[in-house]
Structures are given as structure tokens and as C-alpha cells.
Amino acid sequence: MDATVGLRERKKAETRQAVHEATLRLAVELGLDNVTVEAIADAANISRRTFSNYFDSKEDALLYGDERRLGELMQHVRDQPAQLSAWRALRGALECLFDEDGSPDRDWLIRTKLAKRHPSLLARQLASRVRLETQLTQALAGRAAGGVAAEVITAAFLAGLRVATQRWIADGETRTLREITDQVLDQIAQPFG
């Protein structure tokens, strides 16, 4: 029974990833405004109904990679040793994510650039970040924070990630995102220790 459930979940994850990749490919080739759910379903070799079982919209399908990565970050925060401060738990989780996945791939960069050009994507991305901020704050509750509220530490951390990403894109990727992120977060961390 467990093997069947594991296989079923793996197939669902593969389908979700295939739909995401088809959406991203079509958005790059045709422009997001010219991509339809039907075209995505055809490109992913699934039915329109199957698409709807996995995603509510083409924007959700496009941003799936971000959602997956943020979910992994959240899990790594939960897995950090309880004795770590809130800031150290966030940094440790990010290190785990970078070690596991490496720097974000070209698809992540493309999604980021598309979100800047399309208000519908940007709105969904912002909503996702607000959910992440709430979840991270809850996960950090009870960790030592040197008198700084968990929501302040979370907001500073996420702002650092945003600034690092913007610098990475502006630099033309001459340095790794990890390198830039470490530099930005080190600057923010000075008062948090």
C-alpha cells in the first residue's frame, strides 16, 4: 500500500513539474499573454481537466517552481535545531536549500523576470511571499531573537532575499546568487547576531 501511495505521489509531482515546465517554455516562446491553458495542457500532453486538477490558472502553473522552493525553505526552517536563534535558523535553512538545490536555475531567473513584467504574476508572487512570511514567523516563534520580534526578523530576512535577487539580476549574474545573498544577509544580521 505504501509503495502505491509513494508511486502515485511521485507521478503527481512529475505531472505538476511537467505542466510547470510547459507553461514556462510557452511563456518564453509566445509571451505569457498569448499562452492559454489549452495550449499548456497540449504541450504537457494532458487534458484541460487534468490541468485544472493541478493548477487554478496558468499563473499558478508558472510560479509552481517558486512555490516548491519556498516550501522547501519552510521545511528546512522547521528542521533547524531548536537551540538556534531565529536568525541563525533562517540562515541555516537557506544554506540547506542552497546546498540541496544549488543556486536557482535559469527557470527561476526567467520566472522572476516574467513576474516583473506581468501584474497578474507579480500579485500572485506577492501573495505567496505574504503567506511565507506568516508561516516563517510562526515557525520561529519561541526561538531566541535577542529581543527582536520574530516578524521583524522574518521581514528583514525576506527583504534581504529580495534585495539580493535584484542585485543578482542587475549584476548580469556575474556573481552567484548565494554569494550576493550571503553578503546582503551578513549586512542585515549585524544587529541580530
N, C-alpha and C. Protein backbone atom coordinates (compact mmCIF):
# COMPACT_ATOMS: atom_id res chain seq x y z
N MET A 1 0.82 -1.20 0.00
CA MET A 1 0.00 0.00 0.00
C MET A 1 0.87 1.26 0.00
N ASP A 2 1.90 1.30 0.86
CA ASP A 2 2.78 2.47 0.92
C ASP A 2 3.50 2.70 -0.40
N ALA A 3 3.89 1.61 -1.07
CA ALA A 3 4.57 1.74 -2.36
C ALA A 3 3.64 2.35 -3.40
N THR A 4 2.35 1.97 -3.34
CA THR A 4 1.37 2.51 -4.27
C THR A 4 1.17 4.00 -4.03
N VAL A 5 1.05 4.37 -2.76
CA VAL A 5 0.88 5.78 -2.42
C VAL A 5 2.12 6.57 -2.85
N GLY A 6 3.29 6.01 -2.60
CA GLY A 6 4.53 6.68 -2.99
C GLY A 6 4.63 6.87 -4.49
N LEU A 7 4.26 5.85 -5.24
CA LEU A 7 4.28 5.93 -6.70
C LEU A 7 3.26 6.96 -7.19
N ARG A 8 2.09 6.94 -6.62
CA ARG A 8 1.04 7.89 -7.02
C ARG A 8 1.49 9.34 -6.75
N GLU A 9 2.06 9.56 -5.58
CA GLU A 9 2.53 10.92 -5.25
C GLU A 9 3.67 11.34 -6.16
N ARG A 10 4.55 10.41 -6.49
CA ARG A 10 5.67 10.73 -7.38
C ARG A 10 5.15 11.07 -8.77
N LYS A 11 4.15 10.33 -9.25
CA LYS A 11 3.56 10.62 -10.57
C LYS A 11 2.86 11.98 -10.57
N LYS A 12 2.19 12.31 -9.49
CA LYS A 12 1.54 13.62 -9.37
C LYS A 12 2.59 14.73 -9.42
N ALA A 13 3.68 14.54 -8.68
CA ALA A 13 4.75 15.54 -8.67
C ALA A 13 5.37 15.69 -10.06
N GLU A 14 5.55 14.58 -10.76
CA GLU A 14 6.10 14.63 -12.11
C GLU A 14 5.17 15.36 -13.07
N THR A 15 3.87 15.10 -12.95
CA THR A 15 2.89 15.78 -13.80
C THR A 15 2.89 17.27 -13.50
N ARG A 16 2.87 17.62 -12.22
CA ARG A 16 2.88 19.03 -11.83
C ARG A 16 4.12 19.73 -12.39
N GLN A 17 5.27 19.06 -12.31
CA GLN A 17 6.52 19.64 -12.82
C GLN A 17 6.46 19.77 -14.34
N ALA A 18 5.91 18.77 -15.03
CA ALA A 18 5.81 18.82 -16.50
C ALA A 18 4.90 19.97 -16.94
N VAL A 19 3.82 20.17 -16.24
CA VAL A 19 2.91 21.28 -16.56
C VAL A 19 3.61 22.61 -16.32
N HIS A 20 4.33 22.71 -15.22
CA HIS A 20 5.09 23.94 -14.92
C HIS A 20 6.10 24.23 -16.03
N GLU A 21 6.85 23.21 -16.43
CA GLU A 21 7.88 23.40 -17.46
C GLU A 21 7.26 23.78 -18.80
N ALA A 22 6.14 23.16 -19.14
CA ALA A 22 5.46 23.51 -20.39
C ALA A 22 4.97 24.95 -20.35
N THR A 23 4.45 25.37 -19.22
CA THR A 23 3.97 26.75 -19.07
C THR A 23 5.12 27.74 -19.22
N LEU A 24 6.21 27.46 -18.57
CA LEU A 24 7.37 28.35 -18.65
C LEU A 24 7.90 28.43 -20.08
N ARG A 25 8.02 27.28 -20.73
CA ARG A 25 8.52 27.24 -22.11
C ARG A 25 7.61 28.06 -23.04
N LEU A 26 6.30 27.87 -22.92
CA LEU A 26 5.37 28.59 -23.77
C LEU A 26 5.36 30.09 -23.47
N ALA A 27 5.50 30.45 -22.20
CA ALA A 27 5.53 31.87 -21.83
C ALA A 27 6.74 32.56 -22.44
N VAL A 28 7.86 31.85 -22.49
CA VAL A 28 9.07 32.42 -23.09
C VAL A 28 8.91 32.51 -24.60
N GLU A 29 8.37 31.46 -25.22
CA GLU A 29 8.24 31.42 -26.68
C GLU A 29 7.17 32.37 -27.21
N LEU A 30 6.03 32.41 -26.55
CA LEU A 30 4.87 33.14 -27.08
C LEU A 30 4.53 34.43 -26.34
N GLY A 31 5.07 34.58 -25.14
CA GLY A 31 4.65 35.68 -24.27
C GLY A 31 3.50 35.19 -23.40
N LEU A 32 3.52 35.49 -22.14
CA LEU A 32 2.52 34.97 -21.21
C LEU A 32 1.10 35.31 -21.63
N ASP A 33 0.89 36.50 -22.13
CA ASP A 33 -0.46 36.90 -22.52
C ASP A 33 -1.03 36.06 -23.66
N ASN A 34 -0.16 35.44 -24.44
CA ASN A 34 -0.59 34.64 -25.58
C ASN A 34 -0.71 33.15 -25.27
N VAL A 35 -0.44 32.78 -24.03
CA VAL A 35 -0.49 31.37 -23.63
C VAL A 35 -1.86 31.07 -23.04
N THR A 36 -2.46 29.98 -23.50
CA THR A 36 -3.75 29.55 -22.96
C THR A 36 -3.56 28.27 -22.15
N VAL A 37 -4.51 28.00 -21.31
CA VAL A 37 -4.48 26.75 -20.54
C VAL A 37 -4.55 25.56 -21.49
N GLU A 38 -5.32 25.68 -22.56
CA GLU A 38 -5.42 24.60 -23.53
C GLU A 38 -4.06 24.32 -24.18
N ALA A 39 -3.33 25.37 -24.51
CA ALA A 39 -2.00 25.19 -25.11
C ALA A 39 -1.04 24.53 -24.12
N ILE A 40 -1.15 24.91 -22.86
CA ILE A 40 -0.29 24.30 -21.83
C ILE A 40 -0.63 22.82 -21.70
N ALA A 41 -1.92 22.51 -21.63
CA ALA A 41 -2.34 21.11 -21.50
C ALA A 41 -1.83 20.29 -22.68
N ASP A 42 -1.95 20.83 -23.89
CA ASP A 42 -1.45 20.13 -25.07
C ASP A 42 0.06 19.91 -24.99
N ALA A 43 0.78 20.96 -24.59
CA ALA A 43 2.25 20.86 -24.51
C ALA A 43 2.69 19.87 -23.44
N ALA A 44 1.91 19.75 -22.38
CA ALA A 44 2.25 18.82 -21.30
C ALA A 44 1.63 17.43 -21.53
N ASN A 45 0.90 17.29 -22.64
CA ASN A 45 0.27 16.02 -23.00
C ASN A 45 -0.72 15.54 -21.95
N ILE A 46 -1.55 16.48 -21.49
CA ILE A 46 -2.61 16.18 -20.52
C ILE A 46 -3.89 16.85 -20.99
N SER A 47 -4.99 16.52 -20.36
CA SER A 47 -6.26 17.15 -20.70
C SER A 47 -6.42 18.47 -19.95
N ARG A 48 -7.34 19.27 -20.42
CA ARG A 48 -7.66 20.54 -19.75
C ARG A 48 -8.14 20.27 -18.32
N ARG A 49 -8.91 19.20 -18.17
CA ARG A 49 -9.41 18.83 -16.85
C ARG A 49 -8.27 18.44 -15.91
N THR A 50 -7.31 17.69 -16.44
CA THR A 50 -6.15 17.32 -15.62
C THR A 50 -5.38 18.56 -15.20
N PHE A 51 -5.23 19.52 -16.12
CA PHE A 51 -4.59 20.78 -15.75
C PHE A 51 -5.29 21.37 -14.54
N SER A 52 -6.61 21.42 -14.59
CA SER A 52 -7.41 22.03 -13.51
C SER A 52 -7.30 21.26 -12.20
N ASN A 53 -6.96 19.98 -12.26
CA ASN A 53 -6.75 19.20 -11.05
C ASN A 53 -5.47 19.63 -10.33
N TYR A 54 -4.54 20.20 -11.08
CA TYR A 54 -3.25 20.57 -10.51
C TYR A 54 -3.10 22.06 -10.25
N PHE A 55 -3.66 22.88 -11.12
CA PHE A 55 -3.47 24.33 -11.02
C PHE A 55 -4.78 25.06 -11.30
N ASP A 56 -4.95 26.20 -10.66
CA ASP A 56 -6.14 27.03 -10.88
C ASP A 56 -6.00 27.93 -12.10
N SER A 57 -4.75 28.24 -12.48
CA SER A 57 -4.53 29.17 -13.58
C SER A 57 -3.14 28.96 -14.17
N LYS A 58 -2.92 29.58 -15.31
CA LYS A 58 -1.60 29.50 -15.93
C LYS A 58 -0.56 30.20 -15.06
N GLU A 59 -0.97 31.24 -14.33
CA GLU A 59 -0.04 31.93 -13.44
C GLU A 59 0.42 31.01 -12.31
N ASP A 60 -0.51 30.25 -11.76
CA ASP A 60 -0.15 29.29 -10.71
C ASP A 60 0.81 28.23 -11.25
N ALA A 61 0.55 27.76 -12.47
CA ALA A 61 1.44 26.77 -13.07
C ALA A 61 2.83 27.34 -13.31
N LEU A 62 2.88 28.58 -13.73
CA LEU A 62 4.16 29.22 -14.00
C LEU A 62 4.97 29.41 -12.72
N LEU A 63 4.31 29.77 -11.63
CA LEU A 63 5.00 30.05 -10.38
C LEU A 63 5.19 28.82 -9.50
N TYR A 64 4.83 27.66 -9.99
CA TYR A 64 4.95 26.44 -9.20
C TYR A 64 6.38 26.21 -8.71
N GLY A 65 7.36 26.48 -9.54
CA GLY A 65 8.76 26.30 -9.13
C GLY A 65 9.11 27.14 -7.92
N ASP A 66 8.61 28.37 -7.88
CA ASP A 66 8.84 29.23 -6.72
C ASP A 66 8.16 28.66 -5.49
N GLU A 67 6.91 28.21 -5.66
CA GLU A 67 6.16 27.65 -4.53
C GLU A 67 6.88 26.43 -3.95
N ARG A 68 7.38 25.59 -4.83
CA ARG A 68 8.08 24.39 -4.37
C ARG A 68 9.34 24.77 -3.59
N ARG A 69 10.08 25.71 -4.12
CA ARG A 69 11.33 26.13 -3.46
C ARG A 69 11.04 26.79 -2.11
N LEU A 70 10.01 27.60 -2.04
CA LEU A 70 9.65 28.25 -0.78
C LEU A 70 9.16 27.21 0.23
N GLY A 71 8.46 26.20 -0.23
CA GLY A 71 8.03 25.12 0.66
C GLY A 71 9.23 24.37 1.23
N GLU A 72 10.25 24.17 0.39
CA GLU A 72 11.47 23.51 0.87
C GLU A 72 12.18 24.38 1.91
N LEU A 73 12.23 25.68 1.67
CA LEU A 73 12.84 26.59 2.65
C LEU A 73 12.09 26.48 3.98
N MET A 74 10.78 26.49 3.92
CA MET A 74 9.95 26.40 5.13
C MET A 74 10.26 25.12 5.88
N GLN A 75 10.37 24.01 5.18
CA GLN A 75 10.67 22.74 5.84
C GLN A 75 12.06 22.77 6.48
N HIS A 76 13.02 23.36 5.82
CA HIS A 76 14.37 23.46 6.38
C HIS A 76 14.37 24.32 7.65
N VAL A 77 13.55 25.36 7.70
CA VAL A 77 13.45 26.17 8.92
C VAL A 77 12.93 25.30 10.06
N ARG A 78 11.90 24.54 9.80
CA ARG A 78 11.32 23.66 10.83
C ARG A 78 12.34 22.62 11.31
N ASP A 79 13.23 22.21 10.41
CA ASP A 79 14.21 21.17 10.74
C ASP A 79 15.44 21.70 11.49
N GLN A 80 15.57 22.99 11.61
CA GLN A 80 16.75 23.56 12.28
C GLN A 80 16.73 23.23 13.77
N PRO A 81 17.90 23.02 14.37
CA PRO A 81 17.95 22.71 15.81
C PRO A 81 17.26 23.80 16.65
N ALA A 82 16.54 23.37 17.67
CA ALA A 82 15.73 24.28 18.49
C ALA A 82 16.57 25.33 19.21
N GLN A 83 17.82 25.04 19.49
CA GLN A 83 18.65 25.99 20.24
C GLN A 83 19.16 27.16 19.39
N LEU A 84 18.99 27.09 18.08
CA LEU A 84 19.43 28.19 17.22
C LEU A 84 18.51 29.38 17.38
N SER A 85 19.08 30.57 17.30
CA SER A 85 18.26 31.79 17.31
C SER A 85 17.43 31.83 16.03
N ALA A 86 16.44 32.69 16.02
CA ALA A 86 15.58 32.83 14.85
C ALA A 86 16.40 33.15 13.60
N TRP A 87 17.31 34.09 13.72
CA TRP A 87 18.12 34.49 12.57
C TRP A 87 19.00 33.34 12.10
N ARG A 88 19.63 32.65 13.03
CA ARG A 88 20.51 31.53 12.67
C ARG A 88 19.70 30.39 12.05
N ALA A 89 18.48 30.19 12.51
CA ALA A 89 17.63 29.15 11.92
C ALA A 89 17.30 29.50 10.47
N LEU A 90 17.00 30.76 10.19
CA LEU A 90 16.71 31.18 8.82
C LEU A 90 17.94 31.01 7.94
N ARG A 91 19.08 31.45 8.43
CA ARG A 91 20.31 31.32 7.64
C ARG A 91 20.67 29.86 7.42
N GLY A 92 20.51 29.04 8.45
CA GLY A 92 20.80 27.61 8.31
C GLY A 92 19.89 26.94 7.29
N ALA A 93 18.62 27.33 7.32
CA ALA A 93 17.65 26.78 6.36
C ALA A 93 18.02 27.17 4.94
N LEU A 94 18.43 28.42 4.75
CA LEU A 94 18.82 28.88 3.43
C LEU A 94 20.07 28.15 2.94
N GLU A 95 21.02 27.93 3.84
CA GLU A 95 22.23 27.17 3.48
C GLU A 95 21.86 25.76 3.03
N CYS A 96 20.94 25.13 3.76
CA CYS A 96 20.48 23.79 3.37
C CYS A 96 19.86 23.82 1.97
N LEU A 97 19.06 24.83 1.73
CA LEU A 97 18.40 24.94 0.43
C LEU A 97 19.42 25.12 -0.69
N PHE A 98 20.39 26.00 -0.47
CA PHE A 98 21.43 26.21 -1.48
C PHE A 98 22.26 24.94 -1.68
N ASP A 99 22.59 24.25 -0.57
CA ASP A 99 23.38 23.02 -0.68
C ASP A 99 22.61 21.95 -1.43
N GLU A 100 21.32 21.89 -1.20
CA GLU A 100 20.47 20.88 -1.81
C GLU A 100 20.22 21.15 -3.30
N ASP A 101 19.81 22.38 -3.59
CA ASP A 101 19.39 22.74 -4.95
C ASP A 101 20.44 23.52 -5.72
N GLY A 102 21.46 23.99 -5.05
CA GLY A 102 22.40 24.89 -5.69
C GLY A 102 21.77 26.25 -5.90
N SER A 103 22.42 27.09 -6.65
CA SER A 103 21.83 28.39 -6.95
C SER A 103 20.60 28.18 -7.81
N PRO A 104 19.66 29.10 -7.74
CA PRO A 104 18.48 28.96 -8.59
C PRO A 104 18.88 28.82 -10.06
N ASP A 105 18.09 28.06 -10.76
CA ASP A 105 18.40 27.77 -12.16
C ASP A 105 17.88 28.87 -13.08
N ARG A 106 18.11 28.66 -14.37
CA ARG A 106 17.67 29.64 -15.37
C ARG A 106 16.16 29.83 -15.33
N ASP A 107 15.43 28.74 -15.05
CA ASP A 107 13.97 28.86 -14.99
C ASP A 107 13.54 29.84 -13.91
N TRP A 108 14.21 29.80 -12.78
CA TRP A 108 13.89 30.72 -11.68
C TRP A 108 14.12 32.16 -12.12
N LEU A 109 15.22 32.38 -12.81
CA LEU A 109 15.51 33.72 -13.30
C LEU A 109 14.45 34.18 -14.30
N ILE A 110 14.04 33.30 -15.17
CA ILE A 110 13.00 33.63 -16.16
C ILE A 110 11.69 33.96 -15.45
N ARG A 111 11.31 33.14 -14.45
CA ARG A 111 10.07 33.41 -13.70
C ARG A 111 10.14 34.78 -13.02
N THR A 112 11.28 35.10 -12.46
CA THR A 112 11.44 36.38 -11.78
C THR A 112 11.28 37.54 -12.76
N LYS A 113 11.89 37.41 -13.92
CA LYS A 113 11.78 38.48 -14.92
C LYS A 113 10.36 38.58 -15.47
N LEU A 114 9.69 37.45 -15.67
CA LEU A 114 8.30 37.48 -16.14
C LEU A 114 7.40 38.15 -15.11
N ALA A 115 7.62 37.87 -13.85
CA ALA A 115 6.79 38.47 -12.79
C ALA A 115 6.93 39.98 -12.78
N LYS A 116 8.10 40.48 -13.08
CA LYS A 116 8.29 41.93 -13.11
C LYS A 116 7.49 42.59 -14.23
N ARG A 117 7.23 41.83 -15.31
CA ARG A 117 6.53 42.39 -16.47
C ARG A 117 5.02 42.14 -16.48
N HIS A 118 4.55 41.24 -15.64
CA HIS A 118 3.14 40.87 -15.66
C HIS A 118 2.50 41.07 -14.29
N PRO A 119 1.62 42.04 -14.17
CA PRO A 119 0.99 42.32 -12.88
C PRO A 119 0.28 41.11 -12.27
N SER A 120 -0.31 40.24 -13.11
CA SER A 120 -1.01 39.08 -12.56
C SER A 120 -0.03 38.13 -11.87
N LEU A 121 1.15 37.96 -12.43
CA LEU A 121 2.17 37.13 -11.79
C LEU A 121 2.73 37.79 -10.55
N LEU A 122 2.97 39.07 -10.66
CA LEU A 122 3.52 39.81 -9.52
C LEU A 122 2.57 39.76 -8.33
N ALA A 123 1.28 39.89 -8.58
CA ALA A 123 0.29 39.83 -7.49
C ALA A 123 0.29 38.46 -6.84
N ARG A 124 0.36 37.41 -7.63
CA ARG A 124 0.39 36.06 -7.07
C ARG A 124 1.69 35.81 -6.31
N GLN A 125 2.78 36.32 -6.84
CA GLN A 125 4.06 36.16 -6.17
C GLN A 125 4.05 36.89 -4.83
N LEU A 126 3.48 38.08 -4.81
CA LEU A 126 3.38 38.84 -3.57
C LEU A 126 2.51 38.11 -2.54
N ALA A 127 1.39 37.56 -2.98
CA ALA A 127 0.52 36.80 -2.07
C ALA A 127 1.27 35.60 -1.50
N SER A 128 2.06 34.96 -2.33
CA SER A 128 2.85 33.82 -1.88
C SER A 128 3.87 34.25 -0.83
N ARG A 129 4.50 35.39 -1.05
CA ARG A 129 5.50 35.89 -0.10
C ARG A 129 4.85 36.27 1.24
N VAL A 130 3.65 36.81 1.19
CA VAL A 130 2.94 37.16 2.43
C VAL A 130 2.63 35.89 3.22
N ARG A 131 2.17 34.84 2.53
CA ARG A 131 1.92 33.55 3.20
C ARG A 131 3.20 33.00 3.80
N LEU A 132 4.30 33.07 3.05
CA LEU A 132 5.58 32.58 3.54
C LEU A 132 6.00 33.36 4.78
N GLU A 133 5.84 34.67 4.75
CA GLU A 133 6.23 35.50 5.89
C GLU A 133 5.46 35.08 7.14
N THR A 134 4.18 34.85 6.99
CA THR A 134 3.36 34.42 8.12
C THR A 134 3.81 33.05 8.64
N GLN A 135 4.05 32.12 7.73
CA GLN A 135 4.46 30.78 8.12
C GLN A 135 5.85 30.79 8.78
N LEU A 136 6.77 31.56 8.23
CA LEU A 136 8.10 31.64 8.83
C LEU A 136 8.03 32.24 10.22
N THR A 137 7.25 33.29 10.38
CA THR A 137 7.11 33.93 11.69
C THR A 137 6.58 32.92 12.71
N GLN A 138 5.59 32.15 12.32
CA GLN A 138 5.04 31.13 13.22
C GLN A 138 6.07 30.06 13.54
N ALA A 139 6.84 29.65 12.55
CA ALA A 139 7.86 28.61 12.76
C ALA A 139 8.98 29.10 13.67
N LEU A 140 9.21 30.40 13.69
CA LEU A 140 10.29 30.96 14.51
C LEU A 140 9.85 31.32 15.92
N ALA A 141 8.55 31.27 16.16
CA ALA A 141 8.04 31.63 17.48
C ALA A 141 8.72 30.76 18.55
N GLY A 142 9.15 31.40 19.60
CA GLY A 142 9.80 30.68 20.69
C GLY A 142 11.30 30.59 20.57
N ARG A 143 11.85 30.95 19.43
CA ARG A 143 13.32 30.93 19.29
C ARG A 143 13.88 32.24 19.84
N ALA A 144 15.03 32.16 20.44
CA ALA A 144 15.69 33.35 20.95
C ALA A 144 15.95 34.32 19.81
N ALA A 145 15.65 35.59 20.06
CA ALA A 145 15.82 36.57 18.99
C ALA A 145 16.46 37.85 19.50
N GLY A 146 17.08 37.81 20.66
CA GLY A 146 17.75 38.99 21.18
C GLY A 146 16.81 40.16 21.39
N GLY A 147 15.59 39.89 21.75
CA GLY A 147 14.62 40.96 21.99
C GLY A 147 13.94 41.49 20.74
N VAL A 148 14.29 40.96 19.57
CA VAL A 148 13.67 41.40 18.33
C VAL A 148 12.53 40.43 18.00
N ALA A 149 11.37 40.96 17.66
CA ALA A 149 10.20 40.14 17.37
C ALA A 149 10.45 39.25 16.14
N ALA A 150 9.89 38.05 16.17
CA ALA A 150 10.07 37.10 15.07
C ALA A 150 9.60 37.68 13.74
N GLU A 151 8.52 38.45 13.76
CA GLU A 151 8.03 39.01 12.49
C GLU A 151 8.99 40.05 11.92
N VAL A 152 9.71 40.74 12.79
CA VAL A 152 10.71 41.72 12.32
C VAL A 152 11.89 40.98 11.69
N ILE A 153 12.33 39.92 12.34
CA ILE A 153 13.45 39.14 11.80
C ILE A 153 13.05 38.50 10.46
N THR A 154 11.86 37.95 10.40
CA THR A 154 11.37 37.35 9.16
C THR A 154 11.30 38.38 8.04
N ALA A 155 10.74 39.54 8.34
CA ALA A 155 10.62 40.59 7.32
C ALA A 155 11.99 41.04 6.84
N ALA A 156 12.94 41.18 7.75
CA ALA A 156 14.29 41.59 7.37
C ALA A 156 14.95 40.52 6.50
N PHE A 157 14.76 39.27 6.87
CA PHE A 157 15.33 38.16 6.09
C PHE A 157 14.77 38.14 4.67
N LEU A 158 13.45 38.23 4.55
CA LEU A 158 12.83 38.20 3.22
C LEU A 158 13.19 39.44 2.40
N ALA A 159 13.31 40.58 3.06
CA ALA A 159 13.75 41.78 2.35
C ALA A 159 15.17 41.58 1.82
N GLY A 160 16.01 40.95 2.62
CA GLY A 160 17.37 40.65 2.19
C GLY A 160 17.40 39.75 0.97
N LEU A 161 16.53 38.74 0.96
CA LEU A 161 16.46 37.84 -0.21
C LEU A 161 16.02 38.61 -1.45
N ARG A 162 15.05 39.51 -1.27
CA ARG A 162 14.56 40.31 -2.40
C ARG A 162 15.65 41.22 -2.94
N VAL A 163 16.37 41.89 -2.04
CA VAL A 163 17.45 42.80 -2.45
C VAL A 163 18.56 42.01 -3.14
N ALA A 164 18.91 40.86 -2.60
CA ALA A 164 19.96 40.04 -3.20
C ALA A 164 19.56 39.59 -4.60
N THR A 165 18.32 39.21 -4.77
CA THR A 165 17.84 38.78 -6.08
C THR A 165 17.91 39.93 -7.08
N GLN A 166 17.49 41.10 -6.67
CA GLN A 166 17.55 42.26 -7.55
C GLN A 166 18.98 42.59 -7.93
N ARG A 167 19.89 42.50 -6.98
CA ARG A 167 21.31 42.76 -7.29
C ARG A 167 21.86 41.72 -8.25
N TRP A 168 21.48 40.47 -8.03
CA TRP A 168 21.96 39.38 -8.88
C TRP A 168 21.52 39.60 -10.32
N ILE A 169 20.28 39.97 -10.51
CA ILE A 169 19.76 40.22 -11.86
C ILE A 169 20.44 41.45 -12.46
N ALA A 170 20.57 42.51 -11.67
CA ALA A 170 21.20 43.74 -12.16
C ALA A 170 22.67 43.53 -12.50
N ASP A 171 23.36 42.66 -11.75
CA ASP A 171 24.78 42.37 -12.00
C ASP A 171 24.99 41.52 -13.24
N GLY A 172 23.90 41.07 -13.85
CA GLY A 172 24.05 40.20 -15.01
C GLY A 172 24.60 38.84 -14.64
N GLU A 173 24.34 38.44 -13.40
CA GLU A 173 24.74 37.13 -12.89
C GLU A 173 26.26 36.92 -12.93
N THR A 174 27.02 37.99 -12.70
CA THR A 174 28.48 37.85 -12.68
C THR A 174 28.95 37.14 -11.41
N ARG A 175 28.17 37.26 -10.34
CA ARG A 175 28.44 36.52 -9.11
C ARG A 175 27.25 35.59 -8.86
N THR A 176 27.45 34.60 -8.02
CA THR A 176 26.34 33.69 -7.74
C THR A 176 25.33 34.37 -6.83
N LEU A 177 24.09 33.93 -6.94
CA LEU A 177 23.06 34.45 -6.04
C LEU A 177 23.40 34.14 -4.60
N ARG A 178 23.99 32.99 -4.36
CA ARG A 178 24.37 32.62 -2.99
C ARG A 178 25.37 33.61 -2.42
N GLU A 179 26.35 33.97 -3.21
CA GLU A 179 27.37 34.92 -2.77
C GLU A 179 26.75 36.28 -2.43
N ILE A 180 25.90 36.77 -3.31
CA ILE A 180 25.26 38.06 -3.08
C ILE A 180 24.31 37.99 -1.89
N THR A 181 23.57 36.91 -1.77
CA THR A 181 22.65 36.73 -0.66
C THR A 181 23.39 36.72 0.66
N ASP A 182 24.48 35.98 0.74
CA ASP A 182 25.28 35.95 1.97
C ASP A 182 25.76 37.35 2.34
N GLN A 183 26.22 38.10 1.36
CA GLN A 183 26.70 39.46 1.62
C GLN A 183 25.57 40.34 2.17
N VAL A 184 24.42 40.30 1.54
CA VAL A 184 23.29 41.13 1.97
C VAL A 184 22.82 40.71 3.36
N LEU A 185 22.66 39.42 3.59
CA LEU A 185 22.17 38.95 4.88
C LEU A 185 23.19 39.20 6.00
N ASP A 186 24.49 39.14 5.68
CA ASP A 186 25.51 39.49 6.66
C ASP A 186 25.37 40.94 7.10
N GLN A 187 25.08 41.82 6.14
CA GLN A 187 24.90 43.23 6.49
C GLN A 187 23.68 43.42 7.37
N ILE A 188 22.59 42.74 7.04
CA ILE A 188 21.37 42.86 7.84
C ILE A 188 21.58 42.27 9.24
N ALA A 189 22.35 41.19 9.33
CA ALA A 189 22.47 40.45 10.57
C ALA A 189 23.25 41.17 11.66
N GLN A 190 23.97 42.17 11.33
CA GLN A 190 24.83 42.79 12.34
C GLN A 190 24.08 43.12 13.63
N PRO A 191 22.90 43.70 13.58
CA PRO A 191 22.21 43.95 14.85
C PRO A 191 21.55 42.70 15.45
N PHE A 192 21.36 41.64 14.65
CA PHE A 192 20.66 40.45 15.16
C PHE A 192 21.60 39.44 15.78
N GLY A 193 22.84 39.39 15.28
CA GLY A 193 23.80 38.42 15.79
C GLY A 193 23.35 37.07 15.55
